[in-house]
PDB file of N, CA and C in Angstrom:
ATOM      1  N   UNK A   1      -5.969  -2.130  -4.514  1.00  0.00           N
ATOM      2  CA  UNK A   1      -6.972  -3.084  -4.969  1.00  0.00           C
ATOM      3  C   UNK A   1      -7.641  -2.527  -6.224  1.00  0.00           C
ATOM      4  N   UNK A   2      -7.933  -3.386  -7.136  1.00  0.00           N
ATOM      5  CA  UNK A   2      -8.608  -3.009  -8.367  1.00  0.00           C
ATOM      6  C   UNK A   2     -10.030  -2.556  -8.053  1.00  0.00           C
ATOM      7  N   UNK A   3     -10.384  -1.381  -8.515  1.00  0.00           N
ATOM      8  CA  UNK A   3     -11.693  -0.792  -8.223  1.00  0.00           C
ATOM      9  C   UNK A   3     -12.865  -1.647  -8.705  1.00  0.00           C
ATOM     10  N   UNK A   4     -12.661  -2.446  -9.737  1.00  0.00           N
ATOM     11  CA  UNK A   4     -13.781  -3.244 -10.257  1.00  0.00           C
ATOM     12  C   UNK A   4     -14.240  -4.317  -9.274  1.00  0.00           C
ATOM     13  N   UNK A   5     -13.415  -4.609  -8.270  1.00  0.00           N
ATOM     14  CA  UNK A   5     -13.793  -5.604  -7.275  1.00  0.00           C
ATOM     15  C   UNK A   5     -14.407  -5.000  -6.023  1.00  0.00           C
ATOM     16  N   UNK A   6     -14.442  -3.676  -5.951  1.00  0.00           N
ATOM     17  CA  UNK A   6     -14.983  -3.009  -4.761  1.00  0.00           C
ATOM     18  C   UNK A   6     -16.496  -2.895  -4.837  1.00  0.00           C
ATOM     19  N   UNK A   7     -17.106  -2.830  -3.634  1.00  0.00           N
ATOM     20  CA  UNK A   7     -18.535  -2.573  -3.495  1.00  0.00           C
ATOM     21  C   UNK A   7     -19.405  -3.654  -4.147  1.00  0.00           C
ATOM     22  N   UNK A   8     -18.945  -4.893  -4.055  1.00  0.00           N
ATOM     23  CA  UNK A   8     -19.704  -6.037  -4.577  1.00  0.00           C
ATOM     24  C   UNK A   8     -20.323  -6.866  -3.458  1.00  0.00           C
ATOM     25  N   UNK A   9     -20.039  -6.483  -2.186  1.00  0.00           N
ATOM     26  CA  UNK A   9     -20.595  -7.215  -1.057  1.00  0.00           C
ATOM     27  C   UNK A   9     -19.741  -8.372  -0.580  1.00  0.00           C
ATOM     28  N   UNK A  10     -18.597  -8.575  -1.196  1.00  0.00           N
ATOM     29  CA  UNK A  10     -17.754  -9.716  -0.843  1.00  0.00           C
ATOM     30  C   UNK A  10     -17.171  -9.562   0.560  1.00  0.00           C
ATOM     31  N   UNK A  11     -16.615  -8.407   0.858  1.00  0.00           N
ATOM     32  CA  UNK A  11     -16.018  -8.190   2.186  1.00  0.00           C
ATOM     33  C   UNK A  11     -17.078  -8.262   3.284  1.00  0.00           C
ATOM     34  N   UNK A  12     -18.255  -7.717   3.007  1.00  0.00           N
ATOM     35  CA  UNK A  12     -19.344  -7.788   3.987  1.00  0.00           C
ATOM     36  C   UNK A  12     -19.740  -9.240   4.238  1.00  0.00           C
ATOM     37  N   UNK A  13     -19.791 -10.029   3.189  1.00  0.00           N
ATOM     38  CA  UNK A  13     -20.121 -11.451   3.336  1.00  0.00           C
ATOM     39  C   UNK A  13     -19.048 -12.179   4.151  1.00  0.00           C
ATOM     40  N   UNK A  14     -17.789 -11.838   3.936  1.00  0.00           N
ATOM     41  CA  UNK A  14     -16.699 -12.466   4.690  1.00  0.00           C
ATOM     42  C   UNK A  14     -16.802 -12.098   6.168  1.00  0.00           C
ATOM     43  N   UNK A  15     -17.066 -10.832   6.458  1.00  0.00           N
ATOM     44  CA  UNK A  15     -17.222 -10.399   7.856  1.00  0.00           C
ATOM     45  C   UNK A  15     -18.414 -11.099   8.499  1.00  0.00           C
ATOM     46  N   UNK A  16     -19.537 -11.164   7.791  1.00  0.00           N
ATOM     47  CA  UNK A  16     -20.721 -11.858   8.319  1.00  0.00           C
ATOM     48  C   UNK A  16     -20.410 -13.323   8.631  1.00  0.00           C
ATOM     49  N   UNK A  17     -19.708 -13.979   7.728  1.00  0.00           N
ATOM     50  CA  UNK A  17     -19.317 -15.369   7.937  1.00  0.00           C
ATOM     51  C   UNK A  17     -18.421 -15.495   9.167  1.00  0.00           C
ATOM     52  N   UNK A  18     -17.429 -14.605   9.274  1.00  0.00           N
ATOM     53  CA  UNK A  18     -16.513 -14.645  10.416  1.00  0.00           C
ATOM     54  C   UNK A  18     -17.264 -14.447  11.730  1.00  0.00           C
ATOM     55  N   UNK A  19     -18.221 -13.523  11.742  1.00  0.00           N
ATOM     56  CA  UNK A  19     -19.014 -13.282  12.960  1.00  0.00           C
ATOM     57  C   UNK A  19     -19.828 -14.520  13.338  1.00  0.00           C
ATOM     58  N   UNK A  20     -20.460 -15.146  12.361  1.00  0.00           N
ATOM     59  CA  UNK A  20     -21.260 -16.339  12.627  1.00  0.00           C
ATOM     60  C   UNK A  20     -20.400 -17.494  13.133  1.00  0.00           C
ATOM     61  N   UNK A  21     -19.258 -17.696  12.500  1.00  0.00           N
ATOM     62  CA  UNK A  21     -18.354 -18.771  12.918  1.00  0.00           C
ATOM     63  C   UNK A  21     -17.803 -18.501  14.317  1.00  0.00           C
ATOM     64  N   UNK A  22     -17.443 -17.266  14.589  1.00  0.00           N
ATOM     65  CA  UNK A  22     -16.924 -16.920  15.914  1.00  0.00           C
ATOM     66  C   UNK A  22     -17.976 -17.183  16.984  1.00  0.00           C
ATOM     67  N   UNK A  23     -19.196 -16.745  16.722  1.00  0.00           N
ATOM     68  CA  UNK A  23     -20.278 -16.951  17.688  1.00  0.00           C
ATOM     69  C   UNK A  23     -20.542 -18.445  17.884  1.00  0.00           C
ATOM     70  N   UNK A  24     -20.579 -19.185  16.791  1.00  0.00           N
ATOM     71  CA  UNK A  24     -20.819 -20.626  16.845  1.00  0.00           C
ATOM     72  C   UNK A  24     -19.747 -21.337  17.675  1.00  0.00           C
ATOM     73  N   UNK A  25     -18.535 -20.789  17.662  1.00  0.00           N
ATOM     74  CA  UNK A  25     -17.421 -21.399  18.381  1.00  0.00           C
ATOM     75  C   UNK A  25     -17.165 -20.774  19.755  1.00  0.00           C
ATOM     76  N   UNK A  26     -18.122 -19.972  20.227  1.00  0.00           N
ATOM     77  CA  UNK A  26     -18.058 -19.468  21.585  1.00  0.00           C
ATOM     78  C   UNK A  26     -17.251 -18.210  21.806  1.00  0.00           C
ATOM     79  N   UNK A  27     -16.886 -17.527  20.743  1.00  0.00           N
ATOM     80  CA  UNK A  27     -16.146 -16.278  20.898  1.00  0.00           C
ATOM     81  C   UNK A  27     -17.115 -15.119  21.107  1.00  0.00           C
ATOM     82  N   UNK A  28     -16.712 -14.169  21.926  1.00  0.00           N
ATOM     83  CA  UNK A  28     -17.579 -13.028  22.234  1.00  0.00           C
ATOM     84  C   UNK A  28     -17.339 -11.845  21.307  1.00  0.00           C
ATOM     85  N   UNK A  29     -16.163 -11.786  20.679  1.00  0.00           N
ATOM     86  CA  UNK A  29     -15.883 -10.647  19.809  1.00  0.00           C
ATOM     87  C   UNK A  29     -14.810 -10.984  18.778  1.00  0.00           C
ATOM     88  N   UNK A  30     -14.744 -10.164  17.753  1.00  0.00           N
ATOM     89  CA  UNK A  30     -13.684 -10.219  16.748  1.00  0.00           C
ATOM     90  C   UNK A  30     -12.815  -8.980  16.919  1.00  0.00           C
ATOM     91  N   UNK A  31     -11.534  -9.115  16.651  1.00  0.00           N
ATOM     92  CA  UNK A  31     -10.622  -7.975  16.655  1.00  0.00           C
ATOM     93  C   UNK A  31      -9.925  -7.910  15.302  1.00  0.00           C
ATOM     94  N   UNK A  32      -9.553  -6.706  14.899  1.00  0.00           N
ATOM     95  CA  UNK A  32      -8.795  -6.553  13.665  1.00  0.00           C
ATOM     96  C   UNK A  32      -7.819  -5.403  13.813  1.00  0.00           C
ATOM     97  N   UNK A  33      -6.820  -5.399  12.960  1.00  0.00           N
ATOM     98  CA  UNK A  33      -5.848  -4.312  12.875  1.00  0.00           C
ATOM     99  C   UNK A  33      -6.012  -3.637  11.521  1.00  0.00           C
ATOM    100  N   UNK A  34      -5.842  -2.343  11.520  1.00  0.00           N
ATOM    101  CA  UNK A  34      -5.880  -1.590  10.267  1.00  0.00           C
ATOM    102  C   UNK A  34      -4.959  -0.395  10.397  1.00  0.00           C
ATOM    103  N   UNK A  35      -4.534   0.148   9.283  1.00  0.00           N
ATOM    104  CA  UNK A  35      -3.699   1.341   9.298  1.00  0.00           C
ATOM    105  C   UNK A  35      -4.553   2.549   9.643  1.00  0.00           C
ATOM    106  N   UNK A  36      -4.045   3.391  10.517  1.00  0.00           N
ATOM    107  CA  UNK A  36      -4.758   4.585  10.986  1.00  0.00           C
ATOM    108  C   UNK A  36      -5.193   5.496   9.841  1.00  0.00           C
ATOM    109  N   UNK A  37      -4.362   5.611   8.809  1.00  0.00           N
ATOM    110  CA  UNK A  37      -4.641   6.527   7.703  1.00  0.00           C
ATOM    111  C   UNK A  37      -5.648   5.982   6.689  1.00  0.00           C
ATOM    112  N   UNK A  38      -6.057   4.724   6.839  1.00  0.00           N
ATOM    113  CA  UNK A  38      -6.922   4.092   5.844  1.00  0.00           C
ATOM    114  C   UNK A  38      -8.394   4.425   6.140  1.00  0.00           C
ATOM    115  N   UNK A  39      -8.795   5.613   5.717  1.00  0.00           N
ATOM    116  CA  UNK A  39     -10.148   6.097   5.998  1.00  0.00           C
ATOM    117  C   UNK A  39     -11.237   5.224   5.392  1.00  0.00           C
ATOM    118  N   UNK A  40     -10.988   4.673   4.199  1.00  0.00           N
ATOM    119  CA  UNK A  40     -12.024   3.840   3.574  1.00  0.00           C
ATOM    120  C   UNK A  40     -12.199   2.526   4.339  1.00  0.00           C
ATOM    121  N   UNK A  41     -11.104   1.973   4.854  1.00  0.00           N
ATOM    122  CA  UNK A  41     -11.215   0.752   5.665  1.00  0.00           C
ATOM    123  C   UNK A  41     -11.972   1.050   6.949  1.00  0.00           C
ATOM    124  N   UNK A  42     -11.649   2.166   7.593  1.00  0.00           N
ATOM    125  CA  UNK A  42     -12.338   2.544   8.818  1.00  0.00           C
ATOM    126  C   UNK A  42     -13.838   2.679   8.568  1.00  0.00           C
ATOM    127  N   UNK A  43     -14.200   3.355   7.496  1.00  0.00           N
ATOM    128  CA  UNK A  43     -15.619   3.527   7.170  1.00  0.00           C
ATOM    129  C   UNK A  43     -16.296   2.181   6.935  1.00  0.00           C
ATOM    130  N   UNK A  44     -15.610   1.277   6.223  1.00  0.00           N
ATOM    131  CA  UNK A  44     -16.189  -0.046   5.981  1.00  0.00           C
ATOM    132  C   UNK A  44     -16.383  -0.806   7.285  1.00  0.00           C
ATOM    133  N   UNK A  45     -15.331  -0.878   8.103  1.00  0.00           N
ATOM    134  CA  UNK A  45     -15.435  -1.644   9.342  1.00  0.00           C
ATOM    135  C   UNK A  45     -16.501  -1.080  10.268  1.00  0.00           C
ATOM    136  N   UNK A  46     -16.615   0.218  10.332  1.00  0.00           N
ATOM    137  CA  UNK A  46     -17.686   0.809  11.137  1.00  0.00           C
ATOM    138  C   UNK A  46     -19.057   0.452  10.565  1.00  0.00           C
ATOM    139  N   UNK A  47     -19.162   0.394   9.240  1.00  0.00           N
ATOM    140  CA  UNK A  47     -20.453   0.083   8.616  1.00  0.00           C
ATOM    141  C   UNK A  47     -20.913  -1.350   8.884  1.00  0.00           C
ATOM    142  N   UNK A  48     -19.963  -2.241   9.204  1.00  0.00           N
ATOM    143  CA  UNK A  48     -20.324  -3.630   9.505  1.00  0.00           C
ATOM    144  C   UNK A  48     -20.282  -3.910  11.006  1.00  0.00           C
ATOM    145  N   UNK A  49     -20.251  -2.849  11.816  1.00  0.00           N
ATOM    146  CA  UNK A  49     -20.437  -3.012  13.249  1.00  0.00           C
ATOM    147  C   UNK A  49     -19.210  -2.939  14.135  1.00  0.00           C
ATOM    148  N   UNK A  50     -18.041  -2.708  13.575  1.00  0.00           N
ATOM    149  CA  UNK A  50     -16.850  -2.590  14.407  1.00  0.00           C
ATOM    150  C   UNK A  50     -16.790  -1.200  15.037  1.00  0.00           C
ATOM    151  N   UNK A  51     -16.271  -1.133  16.262  1.00  0.00           N
ATOM    152  CA  UNK A  51     -16.023   0.132  16.940  1.00  0.00           C
ATOM    153  C   UNK A  51     -14.608   0.104  17.506  1.00  0.00           C
ATOM    154  N   UNK A  52     -14.072   1.269  17.801  1.00  0.00           N
ATOM    155  CA  UNK A  52     -12.726   1.338  18.364  1.00  0.00           C
ATOM    156  C   UNK A  52     -12.758   0.828  19.794  1.00  0.00           C
ATOM    157  N   UNK A  53     -11.923  -0.151  20.081  1.00  0.00           N
ATOM    158  CA  UNK A  53     -11.825  -0.761  21.403  1.00  0.00           C
ATOM    159  C   UNK A  53     -10.585  -0.254  22.134  1.00  0.00           C
ATOM    160  N   UNK A  54      -9.478  -0.200  21.404  1.00  0.00           N
ATOM    161  CA  UNK A  54      -8.241   0.343  21.951  1.00  0.00           C
ATOM    162  C   UNK A  54      -7.430   0.899  20.794  1.00  0.00           C
ATOM    163  N   UNK A  55      -6.419   1.637  21.151  1.00  0.00           N
ATOM    164  CA  UNK A  55      -5.572   2.235  20.124  1.00  0.00           C
ATOM    165  C   UNK A  55      -4.128   1.848  20.415  1.00  0.00           C
ATOM    166  N   UNK A  56      -3.414   1.398  19.420  1.00  0.00           N
ATOM    167  CA  UNK A  56      -2.011   0.998  19.529  1.00  0.00           C
ATOM    168  C   UNK A  56      -1.183   2.082  18.873  1.00  0.00           C
ATOM    169  N   UNK A  57      -0.175   2.561  19.566  1.00  0.00           N
ATOM    170  CA  UNK A  57       0.671   3.611  19.014  1.00  0.00           C
ATOM    171  C   UNK A  57       2.131   3.180  19.142  1.00  0.00           C
ATOM    172  N   UNK A  58       2.976   3.734  18.290  1.00  0.00           N
ATOM    173  CA  UNK A  58       4.392   3.461  18.362  1.00  0.00           C
ATOM    174  C   UNK A  58       5.175   4.692  17.943  1.00  0.00           C
ATOM    175  N   UNK A  59       6.445   4.701  18.278  1.00  0.00           N
ATOM    176  CA  UNK A  59       7.333   5.785  17.879  1.00  0.00           C
ATOM    177  C   UNK A  59       8.612   5.166  17.369  1.00  0.00           C
ATOM    178  N   UNK A  60       8.937   5.442  16.133  1.00  0.00           N
ATOM    179  CA  UNK A  60      10.163   4.928  15.556  1.00  0.00           C
ATOM    180  C   UNK A  60      11.315   5.818  16.003  1.00  0.00           C
ATOM    181  N   UNK A  61      12.309   5.239  16.663  1.00  0.00           N
ATOM    182  CA  UNK A  61      13.414   6.038  17.187  1.00  0.00           C
ATOM    183  C   UNK A  61      14.708   5.843  16.419  1.00  0.00           C
ATOM    184  N   UNK A  62      14.669   5.044  15.365  1.00  0.00           N
ATOM    185  CA  UNK A  62      15.850   4.836  14.534  1.00  0.00           C
ATOM    186  C   UNK A  62      16.843   3.887  15.168  1.00  0.00           C
ATOM    187  N   UNK A  63      18.021   3.844  14.567  1.00  0.00           N
ATOM    188  CA  UNK A  63      19.061   2.931  15.045  1.00  0.00           C
ATOM    189  C   UNK A  63      20.113   3.640  15.833  1.00  0.00           C
TER     190      UNK A  63
END
């Protein structure tokens, strides 16, 4: 992602909107997937209230 678009509050606004819409429509929670190695995404999601609920793991065994 182009750095000039980061830290403008856009992603936070999108998450806030999603939370409000989910609540308005009777949902109790939001879930998301992210790459384990993406430390900046993890920090962002934690900053807007997400916590680890479960962990999905896989093992590539080839062909």
